[in-house]
C-alpha atoms as a PDB file:
ATOM      1  CA  MET A   1      16.104   2.481  20.141  1.00  0.00           C
ATOM      2  CA  SER A   2      15.305   1.062  16.722  1.00  0.00           C
ATOM      3  CA  GLN A   3      12.335   1.562  14.478  1.00  0.00           C
ATOM      4  CA  LYS A   4      10.227  -1.326  13.236  1.00  0.00           C
ATOM      5  CA  PRO A   5       7.866  -0.608  10.335  1.00  0.00           C
ATOM      6  CA  ILE A   6       4.155  -1.118  10.911  1.00  0.00           C
ATOM      7  CA  VAL A   7       2.951  -3.835   8.528  1.00  0.00           C
ATOM      8  CA  PHE A   8      -0.469  -3.223   7.009  1.00  0.00           C
ATOM      9  CA  THR A   9      -2.415  -6.465   6.371  1.00  0.00           C
ATOM     10  CA  THR A  10      -5.693  -6.836   4.471  1.00  0.00           C
ATOM     11  CA  LYS A  11      -7.640  -9.807   3.063  1.00  0.00           C
ATOM     12  CA  HIS A  12      -9.531  -9.825  -0.226  1.00  0.00           C
ATOM     13  CA  ARG A  13     -11.554 -12.292  -2.287  1.00  0.00           C
ATOM     14  CA  VAL A  14     -11.219 -12.100  -6.081  1.00  0.00           C
ATOM     15  CA  LYS A  15     -14.560 -11.222  -7.662  1.00  0.00           C
ATOM     16  CA  PHE A  16     -16.049 -12.436 -10.934  1.00  0.00           C
ATOM     17  CA  ALA A  17     -15.909  -8.968 -12.537  1.00  0.00           C
ATOM     18  CA  GLU A  18     -12.130  -8.890 -11.978  1.00  0.00           C
ATOM     19  CA  LEU A  19     -11.440 -11.953 -14.140  1.00  0.00           C
ATOM     20  CA  ASP A  20     -10.313 -12.468 -17.714  1.00  0.00           C
ATOM     21  CA  PRO A  21     -11.821 -15.238 -19.899  1.00  0.00           C
ATOM     22  CA  TYR A  22      -9.274 -17.720 -18.470  1.00  0.00           C
ATOM     23  CA  ASN A  23     -10.438 -17.186 -14.863  1.00  0.00           C
ATOM     24  CA  HIS A  24      -7.271 -15.216 -14.031  1.00  0.00           C
ATOM     25  CA  MET A  25      -7.410 -11.864 -12.265  1.00  0.00           C
ATOM     26  CA  ARG A  26      -6.983  -9.136 -14.887  1.00  0.00           C
ATOM     27  CA  THR A  27      -3.630  -7.329 -14.842  1.00  0.00           C
ATOM     28  CA  ALA A  28      -5.131  -3.882 -14.149  1.00  0.00           C
ATOM     29  CA  ILE A  29      -6.855  -5.160 -11.004  1.00  0.00           C
ATOM     30  CA  TYR A  30      -3.550  -5.758  -9.205  1.00  0.00           C
ATOM     31  CA  SER A  31      -2.782  -2.042  -8.962  1.00  0.00           C
ATOM     32  CA  ALA A  32      -6.311  -1.352  -7.678  1.00  0.00           C
ATOM     33  CA  TYR A  33      -5.899  -4.006  -4.987  1.00  0.00           C
ATOM     34  CA  TYR A  34      -2.538  -2.602  -3.889  1.00  0.00           C
ATOM     35  CA  ILE A  35      -3.834   0.981  -3.716  1.00  0.00           C
ATOM     36  CA  ASP A  36      -7.051  -0.020  -1.921  1.00  0.00           C
ATOM     37  CA  HIS A  37      -4.950  -2.056   0.508  1.00  0.00           C
ATOM     38  CA  ARG A  38      -2.816   0.974   1.402  1.00  0.00           C
ATOM     39  CA  MET A  39      -5.899   3.179   1.815  1.00  0.00           C
ATOM     40  CA  GLU A  40      -7.552   0.604   4.092  1.00  0.00           C
ATOM     41  CA  GLY A  41      -4.318   0.435   6.056  1.00  0.00           C
ATOM     42  CA  LEU A  42      -4.183   4.204   6.459  1.00  0.00           C
ATOM     43  CA  ARG A  43      -7.684   4.063   7.928  1.00  0.00           C
ATOM     44  CA  GLU A  44      -7.065   1.052  10.186  1.00  0.00           C
ATOM     45  CA  TYR A  45      -3.473   1.617  11.310  1.00  0.00           C
ATOM     46  CA  VAL A  46      -2.987   5.406  11.110  1.00  0.00           C
ATOM     47  CA  GLY A  47      -6.566   6.655  11.605  1.00  0.00           C
ATOM     48  CA  TRP A  48      -6.808   8.486   8.277  1.00  0.00           C
ATOM     49  CA  ASP A  49     -10.216   7.735   6.811  1.00  0.00           C
ATOM     50  CA  LEU A  50     -11.373   9.623   3.694  1.00  0.00           C
ATOM     51  CA  LYS A  51     -12.879  12.482   5.722  1.00  0.00           C
ATOM     52  CA  THR A  52      -9.646  12.906   7.687  1.00  0.00           C
ATOM     53  CA  LEU A  53      -7.514  12.803   4.538  1.00  0.00           C
ATOM     54  CA  ALA A  54      -9.571  15.671   3.104  1.00  0.00           C
ATOM     55  CA  THR A  55      -8.749  17.848   6.135  1.00  0.00           C
ATOM     56  CA  LEU A  56      -4.982  17.251   6.182  1.00  0.00           C
ATOM     57  CA  PRO A  57      -2.701  20.029   4.869  1.00  0.00           C
ATOM     58  CA  PHE A  58      -1.088  17.550   2.480  1.00  0.00           C
ATOM     59  CA  MET A  59      -1.979  14.863  -0.041  1.00  0.00           C
ATOM     60  CA  ILE A  60      -0.396  11.493  -0.644  1.00  0.00           C
ATOM     61  CA  TRP A  61       0.133  10.738  -4.295  1.00  0.00           C
ATOM     62  CA  VAL A  62       1.089   7.398  -5.851  1.00  0.00           C
ATOM     63  CA  ARG A  63       3.947   8.392  -8.109  1.00  0.00           C
ATOM     64  CA  ARG A  64       4.970   4.979  -9.377  1.00  0.00           C
ATOM     65  CA  MET A  65       4.193   1.276  -9.028  1.00  0.00           C
ATOM     66  CA  GLU A  66       6.345  -1.639 -10.151  1.00  0.00           C
ATOM     67  CA  ILE A  67       4.405  -4.902 -10.015  1.00  0.00           C
ATOM     68  CA  ASP A  68       5.886  -8.387 -10.372  1.00  0.00           C
ATOM     69  CA  PHE A  69       3.391 -11.079 -11.396  1.00  0.00           C
ATOM     70  CA  LEU A  70       4.674 -14.360  -9.935  1.00  0.00           C
ATOM     71  CA  ARG A  71       1.718 -16.786 -10.002  1.00  0.00           C
ATOM     72  CA  SER A  72      -1.830 -16.680 -11.334  1.00  0.00           C
ATOM     73  CA  VAL A  73      -4.633 -15.460  -9.080  1.00  0.00           C
ATOM     74  CA  VAL A  74      -8.035 -16.946  -9.908  1.00  0.00           C
ATOM     75  CA  GLY A  75     -11.690 -16.257  -9.243  1.00  0.00           C
ATOM     76  CA  ASP A  76     -13.014 -16.605  -5.705  1.00  0.00           C
ATOM     77  CA  GLN A  77      -9.469 -17.031  -4.388  1.00  0.00           C
ATOM     78  CA  GLU A  78      -8.712 -15.371  -1.056  1.00  0.00           C
ATOM     79  CA  ILE A  79      -5.556 -13.283  -1.064  1.00  0.00           C
ATOM     80  CA  THR A  80      -3.758 -11.430   1.689  1.00  0.00           C
ATOM     81  CA  ILE A  81      -1.811  -8.253   1.016  1.00  0.00           C
ATOM     82  CA  THR A  82       0.877  -6.965   3.342  1.00  0.00           C
ATOM     83  CA  SER A  83       2.916  -3.796   3.030  1.00  0.00           C
ATOM     84  CA  PHE A  84       5.256  -1.524   4.929  1.00  0.00           C
ATOM     85  CA  VAL A  85       7.257   1.635   4.362  1.00  0.00           C
ATOM     86  CA  ARG A  86      10.813   0.486   3.658  1.00  0.00           C
ATOM     87  CA  GLU A  87      12.258   3.997   3.662  1.00  0.00           C
ATOM     88  CA  PHE A  88      11.617   7.672   3.087  1.00  0.00           C
ATOM     89  CA  ARG A  89      13.772   9.537   0.567  1.00  0.00           C
ATOM     90  CA  GLY A  90      12.925  13.218   0.465  1.00  0.00           C
ATOM     91  CA  PRO A  91       9.336  13.494  -0.793  1.00  0.00           C
ATOM     92  CA  ASP A  92       9.072   9.778  -1.599  1.00  0.00           C
ATOM     93  CA  ALA A  93       7.972   6.896   0.616  1.00  0.00           C
ATOM     94  CA  HIS A  94       9.181   3.543  -0.725  1.00  0.00           C
ATOM     95  CA  ILE A  95       6.554   0.937   0.150  1.00  0.00           C
ATOM     96  CA  GLU A  96       7.051  -2.811  -0.266  1.00  0.00           C
ATOM     97  CA  CYS A  97       3.884  -4.823  -0.886  1.00  0.00           C
ATOM     98  CA  ASP A  98       3.305  -8.574  -1.117  1.00  0.00           C
ATOM     99  CA  MET A  99       0.225 -10.450  -2.306  1.00  0.00           C
ATOM    100  CA  LEU A 100      -0.053 -13.956  -0.846  1.00  0.00           C
ATOM    101  CA  ASP A 101      -2.322 -16.889  -1.581  1.00  0.00           C
ATOM    102  CA  GLU A 102      -4.115 -18.991   1.062  1.00  0.00           C
ATOM    103  CA  THR A 103      -0.964 -21.043   1.716  1.00  0.00           C
ATOM    104  CA  GLY A 104       1.225 -17.978   2.200  1.00  0.00           C
ATOM    105  CA  ARG A 105       2.964 -18.264  -1.175  1.00  0.00           C
ATOM    106  CA  ASN A 106       3.814 -14.984  -2.843  1.00  0.00           C
ATOM    107  CA  VAL A 107       1.709 -14.508  -6.017  1.00  0.00           C
ATOM    108  CA  SER A 108       2.694 -10.890  -6.681  1.00  0.00           C
ATOM    109  CA  ARG A 109       4.832  -8.137  -5.224  1.00  0.00           C
ATOM    110  CA  CYS A 110       4.895  -4.420  -5.726  1.00  0.00           C
ATOM    111  CA  LEU A 111       7.134  -1.471  -5.020  1.00  0.00           C
ATOM    112  CA  MET A 112       4.974   1.616  -4.582  1.00  0.00           C
ATOM    113  CA  ILE A 113       6.494   5.101  -4.501  1.00  0.00           C
ATOM    114  CA  VAL A 114       4.198   7.572  -2.736  1.00  0.00           C
ATOM    115  CA  ALA A 115       4.895  11.310  -2.690  1.00  0.00           C
ATOM    116  CA  PHE A 116       4.058  13.781   0.065  1.00  0.00           C
ATOM    117  CA  VAL A 117       2.403  16.795  -1.626  1.00  0.00           C
ATOM    118  CA  ASP A 118       1.785  20.128   0.092  1.00  0.00           C
ATOM    119  CA  LYS A 119      -1.825  21.212  -0.602  1.00  0.00           C
ATOM    120  CA  ASN A 120      -0.899  24.925  -0.572  1.00  0.00           C
ATOM    121  CA  THR A 121       1.743  24.636  -3.290  1.00  0.00           C
ATOM    122  CA  ASN A 122       0.666  21.404  -5.020  1.00  0.00           C
ATOM    123  CA  ARG A 123       4.333  20.410  -4.942  1.00  0.00           C
ATOM    124  CA  ALA A 124       6.061  17.371  -3.553  1.00  0.00           C
ATOM    125  CA  THR A 125       8.056  18.114  -0.417  1.00  0.00           C
ATOM    126  CA  ASP A 126       9.987  16.076   2.154  1.00  0.00           C
ATOM    127  CA  TRP A 127       7.911  13.974   4.534  1.00  0.00           C
ATOM    128  CA  PRO A 128       7.809  15.672   7.959  1.00  0.00           C
ATOM    129  CA  ALA A 129       9.325  13.658  10.819  1.00  0.00           C
ATOM    130  CA  ASP A 130       6.039  13.528  12.767  1.00  0.00           C
ATOM    131  CA  VAL A 131       4.194  12.059   9.768  1.00  0.00           C
ATOM    132  CA  MET A 132       6.981   9.555   9.000  1.00  0.00           C
ATOM    133  CA  ALA A 133       6.855   8.396  12.629  1.00  0.00           C
ATOM    134  CA  LEU A 134       3.240   7.242  12.133  1.00  0.00           C
ATOM    135  CA  PHE A 135       4.501   4.366   9.988  1.00  0.00           C
ATOM    136  CA  PHE A 136       6.920   2.910  12.545  1.00  0.00           C
ATOM    137  CA  GLU A 137       6.656   1.415  16.019  1.00  0.00           C
ATOM    138  CA  THR A 138       9.338   2.338  18.483  1.00  0.00           C
ATOM    139  CA  GLU A 139      10.792  -0.620  20.331  1.00  0.00           C
ATOM    140  CA  ASN A 140      13.519  -0.836  22.923  1.00  0.00           C
ATOM    141  CA  ALA A 141      16.824  -2.211  21.660  1.00  0.00           C
END
């Protein structure tokens, strides 16, 4: 048996308020898109909407994001974001994200490190096996 990561996919259209004077998406907006994408994916693929997240005994915390800007994204452009958990290392989930244009070309990519934080202690702790399993499909080898 091998594990295949579940790929979250969302579509977005770049809004006027997200643009700089040159019609390019502002740099700060990229991180917002990536985080919103992961939160939408948690709701759609894992079943964790905001109400559910509030009831869980843990929090997920974006610890770090490394974003590569490859091509310009412009106003009214439709983009698709995909992401998956590449690996878990102790309290950290390493998530690979790609932002694609309408033709499927990569315009940006991101490595997001997300920590598992125990709500009782407010400390990062290792991801439990049952929670990690939510991010992978099991397929027969």
